[in-house]
Amino acid sequence: MNTQNITLKLEKDLLLKVKQKAAALNTSMSQLMRDSLKKFLLEESDYEKSKKRAIELMRKALPLGGGRPYKNRSELYDRNK
């Protein structure tokens, strides 16, 4: 695996929570951040795929009658009979 070191600025309280979480999971902070970023990017990618699929399905869907004017009450209930 080809890796590169980076500098990351975090608030002290956030850094402490990350250290504690990494220790609780018996892993390094680097591994925890790597896993979190991979999960974030994968979820974002899945969301975009689902969104595109949903939009495509909506385009192919049967019309539900939208666009035509609603009937008024007298047209619905013809009581002149």
Protein backbone atom coordinates (compact mmCIF):
# COMPACT_ATOMS: atom_id res chain seq x y z
CA MET A 1 0.00 0.00 0.00
CA ASN A 2 1.43 3.35 -1.06
CA THR A 3 0.70 5.88 1.70
CA GLN A 4 1.56 9.50 2.39
CA ASN A 5 1.70 11.32 5.68
CA ILE A 6 -0.55 14.36 6.13
CA THR A 7 -0.98 17.05 8.75
CA LEU A 8 -4.42 17.33 10.26
CA LYS A 9 -5.56 20.06 12.61
CA LEU A 10 -8.22 19.04 15.13
CA GLU A 11 -9.70 20.67 18.19
CA LYS A 12 -8.19 19.26 21.39
CA ASP A 13 -11.47 17.75 22.60
CA LEU A 14 -12.05 16.05 19.23
CA LEU A 15 -8.48 14.72 19.19
CA LEU A 16 -8.97 13.26 22.67
CA LYS A 17 -12.19 11.52 21.58
CA VAL A 18 -10.46 10.08 18.50
CA LYS A 19 -7.59 8.78 20.65
CA GLN A 20 -10.04 7.21 23.08
CA LYS A 21 -12.07 5.60 20.27
CA ALA A 22 -8.94 4.20 18.63
CA ALA A 23 -7.77 2.77 21.96
CA ALA A 24 -11.19 1.24 22.61
CA LEU A 25 -11.05 -0.44 19.20
CA ASN A 26 -7.44 -1.51 19.76
CA THR A 27 -6.28 0.27 16.60
CA SER A 28 -4.21 3.29 15.64
CA MET A 29 -5.62 6.74 15.01
CA SER A 30 -4.36 6.50 11.43
CA GLN A 31 -6.22 3.25 10.83
CA LEU A 32 -9.36 4.64 12.45
CA MET A 33 -9.24 7.74 10.22
CA ARG A 34 -8.51 5.64 7.12
CA ASP A 35 -11.45 3.34 7.84
CA SER A 36 -13.75 6.27 8.59
CA LEU A 37 -12.84 8.09 5.37
CA LYS A 38 -13.27 4.95 3.27
CA LYS A 39 -16.69 4.33 4.82
CA PHE A 40 -17.70 7.96 4.26
CA LEU A 41 -16.69 7.88 0.60
CA LEU A 42 -18.36 4.52 0.02
CA GLU A 43 -21.63 5.70 1.60
CA GLU A 44 -21.53 8.91 -0.47
CA SER A 45 -20.93 6.88 -3.62
CA ASP A 46 -23.81 4.50 -2.79
CA TYR A 47 -26.09 7.47 -2.12
CA GLU A 48 -25.30 9.03 -5.49
CA LYS A 49 -25.89 5.71 -7.29
CA SER A 50 -29.23 5.27 -5.52
CA LYS A 51 -30.24 8.85 -6.27
CA LYS A 52 -29.48 8.46 -9.99
CA ARG A 53 -31.35 5.15 -10.10
CA ALA A 54 -34.40 6.66 -8.36
CA ILE A 55 -34.47 9.61 -10.75
CA GLU A 56 -34.23 7.29 -13.74
CA LEU A 57 -37.09 5.14 -12.39
CA MET A 58 -39.23 8.26 -11.90
CA ARG A 59 -38.60 9.30 -15.50
CA LYS A 60 -39.72 5.87 -16.74
CA ALA A 61 -42.77 5.67 -14.44
CA LEU A 62 -46.32 5.73 -15.72
CA PRO A 63 -48.02 9.10 -15.51
CA LEU A 64 -50.22 9.50 -12.46
CA GLY A 65 -52.55 12.07 -13.96
CA GLY A 66 -50.67 15.14 -12.92
CA GLY A 67 -51.13 18.20 -15.07
CA ARG A 68 -54.81 17.88 -15.79
CA PRO A 69 -57.20 20.24 -14.01
CA TYR A 70 -59.13 19.07 -11.00
CA LYS A 71 -62.88 18.80 -11.25
CA ASN A 72 -64.84 21.17 -9.11
CA ARG A 73 -67.45 20.01 -6.61
CA SER A 74 -70.42 20.40 -8.92
CA GLU A 75 -68.72 18.31 -11.61
CA LEU A 76 -67.95 15.55 -9.10
CA TYR A 77 -71.40 15.47 -7.54
CA ASP A 78 -73.99 16.16 -10.18
CA ARG A 79 -77.08 16.62 -7.98
CA ASN A 80 -79.33 17.97 -10.70
CA LYS A 81 -80.59 14.49 -11.58
